[in-house]
Protein backbone atom coordinates (compact mmCIF):
# COMPACT_ATOMS: atom_id res chain seq x y z
CA MET A 1 0.00 0.00 0.00
CA ALA A 2 2.90 2.36 0.44
CA THR A 3 3.94 4.71 -2.33
CA GLY A 4 7.58 4.70 -1.35
CA GLY A 5 7.29 7.48 1.22
CA ASN A 6 6.87 10.20 -1.42
CA VAL A 7 4.28 12.62 -0.10
CA ARG A 8 1.46 12.81 -2.59
CA THR A 9 -0.75 15.80 -3.32
CA LEU A 10 -4.13 15.45 -5.03
CA ASP A 11 -5.51 18.26 -7.16
CA THR A 12 -9.23 18.62 -7.93
CA GLN A 13 -11.16 21.39 -9.61
CA ARG A 14 -11.56 23.34 -6.36
CA LEU A 15 -9.34 21.61 -3.81
CA LEU A 16 -5.75 20.80 -3.12
CA LEU A 17 -5.36 17.76 -0.87
CA ARG A 18 -1.87 18.19 0.53
CA GLN A 19 0.46 17.61 3.44
CA TRP A 20 -0.43 19.46 6.61
CA GLN A 21 1.30 22.77 7.30
CA GLU A 22 1.81 24.49 10.63
CA SER A 23 -0.49 27.28 9.40
CA ASP A 24 -3.39 24.74 9.21
CA TYR A 25 -3.29 23.99 12.92
CA PRO A 26 -5.21 27.03 14.27
CA ALA A 27 -8.07 26.57 11.78
CA PHE A 28 -8.16 22.84 12.55
CA ALA A 29 -8.31 23.59 16.29
CA ARG A 30 -11.23 26.02 15.76
CA MET A 31 -13.03 23.44 13.62
CA SER A 32 -12.42 20.68 16.20
CA ALA A 33 -13.73 22.88 19.04
CA ASP A 34 -17.00 23.58 17.19
CA ALA A 35 -19.83 21.54 18.71
CA GLU A 36 -21.81 21.31 15.45
CA THR A 37 -18.78 20.16 13.42
CA MET A 38 -18.01 17.53 16.09
CA ARG A 39 -21.64 16.48 16.56
CA TYR A 40 -20.98 12.88 15.43
CA PHE A 41 -17.78 12.46 17.41
CA PRO A 42 -17.53 11.70 21.13
CA SER A 43 -16.58 15.27 22.06
CA VAL A 44 -15.10 18.52 20.89
CA LEU A 45 -11.31 18.66 21.05
CA THR A 46 -8.93 20.87 22.95
CA ASP A 47 -6.20 22.73 21.08
CA GLU A 48 -3.70 20.12 22.29
CA GLN A 49 -5.87 17.20 21.10
CA SER A 50 -6.31 18.90 17.71
CA ARG A 51 -2.56 19.40 17.41
CA ASP A 52 -1.96 15.74 18.28
CA ILE A 53 -4.36 14.60 15.56
CA ALA A 54 -2.89 16.96 12.96
CA ASP A 55 0.63 15.84 13.92
CA ARG A 56 -0.42 12.21 13.54
CA CYS A 57 -2.01 12.88 10.14
CA ARG A 58 1.16 14.64 9.04
CA GLU A 59 3.38 11.81 10.32
CA LEU A 60 1.33 9.11 8.57
CA ILE A 61 1.46 11.03 5.29
CA ASN A 62 5.23 11.33 5.67
CA GLN A 63 5.47 7.56 6.24
CA ARG A 64 3.06 6.35 3.55
CA GLY A 65 2.86 9.26 1.14
CA TRP A 66 -0.93 9.45 1.68
CA GLY A 67 -3.47 9.73 4.47
CA PHE A 68 -5.96 12.26 5.75
CA TRP A 69 -4.69 15.20 3.69
CA ALA A 70 -5.30 18.83 4.60
CA ALA A 71 -7.99 20.17 2.24
CA GLU A 72 -7.18 23.61 0.88
CA VAL A 73 -9.65 25.62 -1.20
CA LYS A 74 -7.62 26.62 -4.25
CA ALA A 75 -9.47 29.88 -4.96
CA THR A 76 -8.82 31.31 -1.49
CA ASN A 77 -5.98 29.15 -0.06
CA GLU A 78 -8.20 28.51 2.99
CA PHE A 79 -7.87 25.38 5.10
CA ALA A 80 -11.28 23.68 4.85
CA GLY A 81 -10.60 20.53 6.87
CA PHE A 82 -9.27 17.14 5.89
CA ILE A 83 -10.14 14.46 3.33
CA GLY A 84 -8.39 11.24 2.54
CA LEU A 85 -7.52 7.68 3.39
CA HIS A 86 -6.64 6.00 6.66
CA VAL A 87 -5.95 2.54 8.07
CA PRO A 88 -8.11 2.29 11.21
CA SER A 89 -6.44 0.89 14.31
CA ALA A 90 -9.74 -0.26 15.86
CA GLU A 91 -10.82 -3.84 15.23
CA LEU A 92 -13.82 -3.32 12.93
CA PRO A 93 -16.03 -5.81 11.06
CA CYS A 94 -14.18 -4.82 7.87
CA SER A 95 -10.62 -5.04 9.31
CA PRO A 96 -8.05 -4.97 7.94
CA CYS A 97 -9.18 -2.12 5.71
CA VAL A 98 -8.54 1.32 4.32
CA GLU A 99 -11.22 3.87 5.09
CA ILE A 100 -12.05 7.07 3.31
CA GLY A 101 -13.01 9.97 5.52
CA TRP A 102 -13.55 13.70 5.68
CA ARG A 103 -14.17 16.44 8.19
CA LEU A 104 -14.80 19.98 7.01
CA ALA A 105 -15.41 23.22 8.86
CA ARG A 106 -19.04 24.37 8.74
CA ASP A 107 -18.27 27.25 6.34
CA PHE A 108 -17.47 24.61 3.72
CA TRP A 109 -20.53 22.37 4.15
CA GLY A 110 -23.11 21.98 1.42
CA LYS A 111 -20.78 22.92 -1.45
CA GLY A 112 -19.89 19.42 -2.66
CA LEU A 113 -16.30 19.72 -1.46
CA ALA A 114 -16.34 16.51 0.61
CA THR A 115 -17.60 14.53 -2.38
CA GLU A 116 -15.12 16.18 -4.76
CA GLY A 117 -12.15 15.55 -2.52
CA ALA A 118 -13.25 12.04 -1.57
CA GLN A 119 -13.65 11.10 -5.23
CA ALA A 120 -10.04 12.14 -5.85
CA ALA A 121 -8.96 10.06 -2.84
CA LEU A 122 -10.90 7.05 -4.17
CA ASP A 123 -9.29 7.44 -7.59
CA PHE A 124 -5.89 7.49 -5.87
CA ALA A 125 -6.79 4.42 -3.76
CA PHE A 126 -7.77 2.36 -6.78
CA ASN A 127 -5.45 3.68 -9.51
CA GLU A 128 -2.26 4.31 -7.53
CA LEU A 129 -2.51 2.02 -4.51
CA SER A 130 -4.43 -0.74 -6.36
CA LEU A 131 -6.65 -1.33 -3.35
CA PRO A 132 -9.37 -3.98 -3.83
CA GLU A 133 -11.83 -2.08 -1.62
CA VAL A 134 -12.27 1.11 0.39
CA VAL A 135 -14.73 1.46 3.27
CA ALA A 136 -16.40 4.33 5.05
CA PHE A 137 -18.30 4.34 8.31
CA THR A 138 -20.09 6.82 10.49
CA ALA A 139 -22.51 7.04 13.38
CA HIS A 140 -25.94 5.77 12.34
CA SER A 141 -27.43 9.23 12.89
CA ASN A 142 -24.93 11.05 10.60
CA LYS A 143 -27.10 11.26 7.47
CA ARG A 144 -24.99 14.07 5.94
CA SER A 145 -21.90 11.82 5.73
CA GLU A 146 -24.03 8.92 4.55
CA ARG A 147 -25.23 11.03 1.62
CA VAL A 148 -21.60 11.70 0.64
CA MET A 149 -20.92 7.96 0.73
CA GLN A 150 -23.93 7.36 -1.50
CA ARG A 151 -22.88 10.09 -3.97
CA LEU A 152 -19.50 8.35 -4.21
CA GLY A 153 -21.27 5.16 -5.31
CA MET A 154 -20.54 3.31 -2.09
CA LEU A 155 -22.92 0.55 -1.01
CA ARG A 156 -24.17 0.14 2.53
CA ASP A 157 -23.77 -3.16 4.36
CA ASP A 158 -27.08 -4.57 5.59
CA LYS A 159 -25.93 -4.77 9.20
CA THR A 160 -24.80 -1.96 11.46
CA PHE A 161 -21.99 -2.41 13.98
CA GLU A 162 -21.01 -1.05 17.36
CA HIS A 163 -17.83 1.00 17.20
CA PRO A 164 -15.43 -0.65 19.65
CA GLU A 165 -13.80 2.64 20.71
CA LEU A 166 -17.07 4.01 22.08
CA PRO A 167 -18.46 2.76 25.42
CA GLU A 168 -21.55 0.55 25.69
CA GLY A 169 -24.69 2.67 25.61
CA HIS A 170 -23.00 5.68 23.95
CA ALA A 171 -25.45 7.46 21.62
CA LEU A 172 -22.94 7.32 18.72
CA ARG A 173 -21.79 3.72 19.15
CA GLN A 174 -24.08 2.27 16.43
CA HIS A 175 -22.35 2.74 13.04
CA VAL A 176 -23.19 2.14 9.41
CA LEU A 177 -20.61 0.67 7.05
CA TYR A 178 -20.24 1.44 3.34
CA ARG A 179 -17.95 -0.23 0.80
CA ILE A 180 -16.76 0.39 -2.73
CA GLN A 181 -14.58 -1.59 -5.13
CA PRO A 182 -12.72 -0.34 -8.21
CA GLY A 183 -14.81 0.26 -11.30
CA VAL A 184 -18.02 1.05 -9.42
């Protein structure tokens, strides 16, 4: 799955999916502290937690050449969030797997940017990494992300699953799982 450690950048009509820069960190921290943006995650994040996540994304991209890339709006050079690919560490019903994911700041919702960036990431996954499948999952109540998965042509598994990193009884523990193979 590695690309030889060369950091890849993906270019779409409106987005640049690129390695994280120090200048992205404040915008990412603001986004991660926003209750509405983090609605389908266990909690909002502190500045330190946001920095740790951004550092980890950056480190994984340096190691693999790909990952959850920083999403930059080309017209304005604004940091919009992240979009990309990740190997989950949790033991999931689809493990081992590569997931596609996105998280954008509210100012960038409803513009098709998640779908546009995720499509570029899927093209990379299938054409460059030669992956046989990519998955996506989200809390059962996150219909906005589910619609992105559907627009990408992903198909939902019949069964839901309980995310193992969330405690029993947590409102977000029940997750839906989507899959896509090359050529779909």
